[in-house]
Amino acid sequence: MTKINELGIFEKPVNHVLVNEYTAGQGIMPHTDGPAFHRIVTTLTIGSHCLLDMYNPVDLQVLYIFTLIEKHNIRYIDMGNL
C-alpha cells in the first residue's frame, strides 16, 4: 500500500488492497462493499477487458416486505403502496 500511496492518486491514504485473478467468464457476484471501502473503490484490469455492472442499492425494507409476501405465495405487490 505504501507504493500506491506514494503515487499521490488519492486524497487520503489507501486502507485496503485486494488482488483477484479470474479466468474468462469468471468474476464475483453482485454485492455491497462495507464501510471500509467507502467512498472510493478503484479497479485496475490488466491483460484483458472487464465489464462492471453498477446498480443502485436495494431498499432492504422493500426487499424484506417482498420476501415476506413471497413466502405466502402472493404473486402481486403494488410497490406504490409501500
Protein backbone atom coordinates (compact mmCIF):
# COMPACT_ATOMS: atom_id res chain seq x y z
CA MET A 1 0.00 0.00 0.00
CA THR A 2 2.94 2.30 0.57
CA LYS A 3 3.81 2.33 -3.13
CA ILE A 4 0.21 3.02 -4.08
CA ASN A 5 0.01 5.89 -1.59
CA GLU A 6 3.29 7.31 -2.93
CA LEU A 7 1.69 7.67 -6.38
CA GLY A 8 -0.38 10.54 -4.96
CA ILE A 9 -3.52 9.47 -6.82
CA PHE A 10 -5.84 9.51 -3.82
CA GLU A 11 -6.58 12.34 -1.42
CA LYS A 12 -6.37 10.05 1.63
CA PRO A 13 -4.09 7.03 2.19
CA VAL A 14 -5.29 3.70 0.80
CA ASN A 15 -6.52 1.41 3.59
CA HIS A 16 -7.03 -1.82 1.65
CA VAL A 17 -5.69 -3.56 -1.45
CA LEU A 18 -7.33 -6.68 -2.86
CA VAL A 19 -5.85 -8.63 -5.77
CA ASN A 20 -8.01 -11.15 -7.62
CA GLU A 21 -7.26 -13.26 -10.67
CA TYR A 22 -10.09 -14.53 -12.86
CA THR A 23 -10.19 -16.66 -15.98
CA ALA A 24 -12.52 -15.79 -18.87
CA GLY A 25 -16.15 -15.82 -17.75
CA GLN A 26 -15.33 -15.73 -14.04
CA GLY A 27 -15.98 -12.90 -11.63
CA ILE A 28 -17.78 -12.00 -8.44
CA MET A 29 -21.48 -11.87 -7.69
CA PRO A 30 -23.23 -8.52 -7.12
CA HIS A 31 -22.59 -7.28 -3.61
CA THR A 32 -22.36 -4.19 -1.44
CA ASP A 33 -18.97 -3.31 -0.02
CA GLY A 34 -18.74 -2.48 3.67
CA PRO A 35 -17.77 0.84 5.24
CA ALA A 36 -14.03 0.15 4.88
CA PHE A 37 -14.46 0.71 1.13
CA HIS A 38 -16.48 3.93 1.39
CA ARG A 39 -16.19 6.36 -0.59
CA ILE A 40 -13.77 5.39 -3.32
CA VAL A 41 -13.30 1.99 -4.94
CA THR A 42 -10.75 1.71 -7.74
CA THR A 43 -10.50 -1.18 -10.19
CA LEU A 44 -7.43 -1.91 -12.31
CA THR A 45 -7.69 -4.54 -15.05
CA ILE A 46 -4.51 -5.90 -16.61
CA GLY A 47 -4.24 -8.14 -19.66
CA SER A 48 -7.90 -8.23 -20.69
CA HIS A 49 -11.13 -6.27 -20.79
CA CYS A 50 -13.51 -6.02 -17.87
CA LEU A 51 -17.24 -5.39 -17.57
CA LEU A 52 -18.58 -3.78 -14.40
CA ASP A 53 -22.31 -3.56 -13.78
CA MET A 54 -23.13 -0.90 -11.19
CA TYR A 55 -26.53 -0.90 -9.53
CA ASN A 56 -28.40 1.44 -7.22
CA PRO A 57 -28.58 0.00 -3.70
CA VAL A 58 -31.61 -2.15 -2.96
CA ASP A 59 -34.03 -0.76 -0.38
CA LEU A 60 -33.76 -3.51 2.23
CA GLN A 61 -37.13 -2.66 3.79
CA VAL A 62 -38.94 -3.16 0.47
CA LEU A 63 -36.94 -6.33 -0.17
CA TYR A 64 -37.88 -7.68 3.28
CA ILE A 65 -41.59 -6.95 2.74
CA PHE A 66 -41.45 -8.54 -0.72
CA THR A 67 -39.76 -11.64 0.76
CA LEU A 68 -42.47 -11.96 3.41
CA ILE A 69 -45.17 -11.72 0.76
CA GLU A 70 -43.41 -14.24 -1.50
CA LYS A 71 -43.32 -16.75 1.37
CA HIS A 72 -47.12 -16.57 1.43
CA ASN A 73 -47.35 -17.21 -2.34
CA ILE A 74 -48.86 -13.84 -3.16
CA ARG A 75 -47.78 -13.08 -6.73
CA TYR A 76 -48.66 -9.37 -6.97
CA ILE A 77 -47.34 -6.47 -4.95
CA ASP A 78 -48.27 -2.84 -5.53
CA MET A 79 -44.95 -1.07 -4.88
CA GLY A 80 -46.76 2.29 -4.87
CA ASN A 81 -48.49 1.48 -1.58
CA LEU A 82 -45.33 0.64 0.39
